[in-house]
């Protein structure tokens, strides 16, 4: 084995090990954690959700590209004992290599965009479920609880309470959208003050 091949194998393995640390760190950034980090005491920050979701997607996409590069390099070094020419001209081979790499990178840009949207939706769902479950624990459910839930649903998903819709009907519709089971009995306090 030539020394350049030896060091290439070592560098590919170390690159793979470094990638595992990146993946381990990004795996901890779950949609639930994104939702919790973006919350303040009474509000949430939609821009922070978008930023953290994009960050996670970029880490995952980058890690996949690095893993792919390590696997290509390692398999070429370990499986091809005697190198052989595949193209006659150097510049033709370089052009095809650059074109192929650019095409793969373009595919991964699309994958990244899809992952950003997916992580944002998951974080929004987690955040909405947290707010909604807090409201469902109230007894009785006050009009301001319904209003807060409506505000959260409107800002995260564009879902609003219809003017003719009761608070209970709105919460039932939202529970179906968020895939949350409602308690058997929900007590609502009317908007009217007693007396």
Protein backbone atom coordinates (compact mmCIF):
# COMPACT_ATOMS: atom_id res chain seq x y z
CA UNK A 1 0.00 0.00 0.00
CA UNK A 2 1.30 3.42 -0.94
CA UNK A 3 1.56 6.02 1.80
CA UNK A 4 -0.89 8.40 0.09
CA UNK A 5 -3.53 5.66 0.02
CA UNK A 6 -2.83 4.86 3.69
CA UNK A 7 -3.33 8.51 4.74
CA UNK A 8 -6.42 8.79 2.54
CA UNK A 9 -7.99 5.81 4.33
CA UNK A 10 -7.14 7.30 7.73
CA UNK A 11 -8.57 10.70 6.74
CA UNK A 12 -11.78 9.11 5.40
CA UNK A 13 -12.28 7.20 8.66
CA UNK A 14 -11.58 10.31 10.77
CA UNK A 15 -14.00 12.30 8.59
CA UNK A 16 -16.62 9.63 9.25
CA UNK A 17 -15.93 9.81 13.01
CA UNK A 18 -16.28 13.60 12.96
CA UNK A 19 -19.54 13.23 11.07
CA UNK A 20 -20.87 10.99 13.85
CA UNK A 21 -20.32 13.79 16.38
CA UNK A 22 -22.21 16.23 14.14
CA UNK A 23 -25.07 13.76 13.74
CA UNK A 24 -25.20 13.06 17.46
CA UNK A 25 -25.46 16.78 18.22
CA UNK A 26 -28.12 17.46 15.62
CA UNK A 27 -30.15 14.40 16.60
CA UNK A 28 -30.76 16.03 19.97
CA UNK A 29 -32.38 19.04 18.27
CA UNK A 30 -35.84 17.47 17.97
CA UNK A 31 -39.01 19.30 16.84
CA UNK A 32 -40.21 19.26 20.46
CA UNK A 33 -36.99 20.91 21.62
CA UNK A 34 -37.26 23.49 18.82
CA UNK A 35 -40.77 24.32 20.02
CA UNK A 36 -39.66 24.60 23.66
CA UNK A 37 -36.64 26.75 22.87
CA UNK A 38 -38.76 29.14 20.79
CA UNK A 39 -41.24 29.68 23.64
CA UNK A 40 -41.13 32.50 26.09
CA UNK A 41 -43.30 32.56 29.18
CA UNK A 42 -46.51 33.60 27.42
CA UNK A 43 -45.58 33.83 23.74
CA UNK A 44 -43.53 32.06 21.09
CA UNK A 45 -41.13 33.22 18.42
CA UNK A 46 -42.09 31.97 14.94
CA UNK A 47 -38.85 33.31 13.43
CA UNK A 48 -36.84 31.27 15.91
CA UNK A 49 -38.81 28.13 14.98
CA UNK A 50 -38.00 28.75 11.31
CA UNK A 51 -34.34 29.42 12.07
CA UNK A 52 -33.83 26.35 14.26
CA UNK A 53 -35.68 24.11 11.80
CA UNK A 54 -33.50 25.41 8.94
CA UNK A 55 -30.38 24.89 11.07
CA UNK A 56 -31.32 21.28 11.82
CA UNK A 57 -32.11 20.58 8.17
CA UNK A 58 -28.80 22.07 7.05
CA UNK A 59 -26.88 20.01 9.60
CA UNK A 60 -28.61 16.81 8.49
CA UNK A 61 -28.14 17.58 4.79
CA UNK A 62 -24.47 18.46 5.32
CA UNK A 63 -23.90 15.32 7.34
CA UNK A 64 -25.47 13.17 4.61
CA UNK A 65 -23.29 14.80 1.94
CA UNK A 66 -20.15 14.30 4.07
CA UNK A 67 -21.14 10.68 4.72
CA UNK A 68 -21.67 10.12 1.01
CA UNK A 69 -18.25 11.64 0.25
CA UNK A 70 -16.56 9.51 2.92
CA UNK A 71 -18.19 6.35 1.60
CA UNK A 72 -17.19 7.12 -1.99
CA UNK A 73 -13.61 7.86 -0.98
CA UNK A 74 -13.31 4.87 1.36
CA UNK A 75 -14.82 2.40 -1.11
CA UNK A 76 -12.54 3.66 -3.90
CA UNK A 77 -9.49 3.34 -1.67
CA UNK A 78 -10.33 -0.07 -0.24
CA UNK A 79 -11.90 -1.79 -3.24
CA UNK A 80 -9.83 -0.49 -6.15
CA UNK A 81 -6.37 -1.97 -5.65
CA UNK A 82 -5.03 -0.99 -9.05
CA UNK A 83 -6.30 2.30 -10.39
CA UNK A 84 -7.32 2.31 -14.05
CA UNK A 85 -8.25 5.11 -16.43
CA UNK A 86 -11.92 5.67 -17.18
CA UNK A 87 -11.52 8.69 -19.47
CA UNK A 88 -8.83 9.49 -22.00
CA UNK A 89 -8.72 13.24 -21.43
CA UNK A 90 -7.96 14.76 -18.04
CA UNK A 91 -10.18 17.81 -18.59
CA UNK A 92 -13.07 15.69 -19.83
CA UNK A 93 -12.91 13.60 -16.65
CA UNK A 94 -12.63 16.72 -14.48
CA UNK A 95 -15.64 18.27 -16.24
CA UNK A 96 -17.77 15.15 -15.74
CA UNK A 97 -16.72 14.94 -12.06
CA UNK A 98 -17.65 18.60 -11.47
CA UNK A 99 -20.95 18.21 -13.35
CA UNK A 100 -21.88 15.07 -11.42
CA UNK A 101 -21.01 16.74 -8.11
CA UNK A 102 -23.04 19.82 -9.01
CA UNK A 103 -26.05 17.66 -9.91
CA UNK A 104 -25.83 15.78 -6.59
CA UNK A 105 -25.47 19.09 -4.71
CA UNK A 106 -28.55 20.46 -6.51
CA UNK A 107 -30.56 17.40 -5.46
CA UNK A 108 -29.46 17.92 -1.87
CA UNK A 109 -30.53 21.59 -1.97
CA UNK A 110 -34.03 20.35 -2.80
CA UNK A 111 -33.86 17.73 -0.06
CA UNK A 112 -32.77 20.45 2.39
CA UNK A 113 -35.75 22.67 1.52
CA UNK A 114 -38.13 19.77 2.07
CA UNK A 115 -36.55 18.96 5.43
CA UNK A 116 -36.81 22.61 6.55
CA UNK A 117 -40.56 22.59 5.86
CA UNK A 118 -40.96 19.23 7.60
CA UNK A 119 -39.10 20.30 10.75
CA UNK A 120 -40.98 23.61 10.90
CA UNK A 121 -44.34 21.82 10.70
CA UNK A 122 -43.31 19.31 13.36
CA UNK A 123 -42.14 22.09 15.71
CA UNK A 124 -45.34 24.09 15.12
CA UNK A 125 -47.47 21.02 15.85
CA UNK A 126 -45.52 20.36 19.04
CA UNK A 127 -45.93 23.97 20.16
CA UNK A 128 -49.65 24.03 19.34
CA UNK A 129 -50.22 20.75 21.18
CA UNK A 130 -48.48 22.14 24.27
CA UNK A 131 -50.68 25.26 24.31
CA UNK A 132 -53.81 23.27 23.53
CA UNK A 133 -53.23 20.65 26.22
CA UNK A 134 -52.70 23.43 28.76
CA UNK A 135 -56.08 24.91 27.81
CA UNK A 136 -57.78 21.51 28.05
CA UNK A 137 -56.53 21.12 31.63
CA UNK A 138 -58.45 24.23 32.72
CA UNK A 139 -61.78 23.75 34.46
CA UNK A 140 -63.76 25.71 33.50
CA UNK A 141 -62.33 26.78 30.15
CA UNK A 142 -62.62 30.55 30.11
CA UNK A 143 -63.26 32.70 27.01
CA UNK A 144 -59.69 34.04 27.21
CA UNK A 145 -58.40 30.44 27.05
CA UNK A 146 -60.32 29.91 23.82
CA UNK A 147 -59.05 33.26 22.52
CA UNK A 148 -55.42 32.37 23.32
CA UNK A 149 -55.85 29.03 21.58
CA UNK A 150 -57.37 30.80 18.59
CA UNK A 151 -54.44 33.26 18.45
CA UNK A 152 -51.88 30.43 18.58
CA UNK A 153 -53.72 28.40 15.92
CA UNK A 154 -54.08 31.45 13.66
CA UNK A 155 -50.42 32.46 13.87
CA UNK A 156 -49.06 28.92 13.44
CA UNK A 157 -51.50 27.40 10.93
CA UNK A 158 -53.85 30.15 9.78
CA UNK A 159 -56.75 28.43 11.53
CA UNK A 160 -59.28 30.80 13.06
CA UNK A 161 -62.53 30.48 14.95
CA UNK A 162 -65.56 31.11 12.76
CA UNK A 163 -67.84 33.92 14.01
CA UNK A 164 -70.77 31.56 14.46
CA UNK A 165 -68.64 28.76 15.91
CA UNK A 166 -68.81 28.06 19.64
CA UNK A 167 -65.66 27.73 21.71
CA UNK A 168 -66.33 24.03 22.17
CA UNK A 169 -66.81 23.44 18.43
CA UNK A 170 -63.60 25.35 17.68
CA UNK A 171 -61.61 23.30 20.22
CA UNK A 172 -63.05 20.09 18.77
CA UNK A 173 -62.06 21.13 15.25
CA UNK A 174 -58.59 22.07 16.43
CA UNK A 175 -58.21 18.82 18.38
CA UNK A 176 -58.97 16.89 15.20
CA UNK A 177 -56.35 18.92 13.27
CA UNK A 178 -53.71 18.39 16.00
CA UNK A 179 -54.68 14.75 16.55
CA UNK A 180 -55.38 15.24 20.26
CA UNK A 181 -58.10 13.42 22.15
CA UNK A 182 -60.44 15.66 24.09
CA UNK A 183 -61.49 14.97 27.67
CA UNK A 184 -64.95 13.45 28.05
CA UNK A 185 -66.29 16.56 29.72
CA UNK A 186 -65.25 20.10 29.03
CA UNK A 187 -66.79 22.90 31.08
CA UNK A 188 -66.94 26.34 29.51
CA UNK A 189 -67.60 29.60 31.26
CA UNK A 190 -69.86 31.94 29.30
CA UNK A 191 -68.76 35.37 28.16
CA UNK A 192 -71.57 36.88 30.21
CA UNK A 193 -70.79 37.98 33.73
CA UNK A 194 -73.07 36.56 36.47
CA UNK A 195 -75.99 38.64 37.62
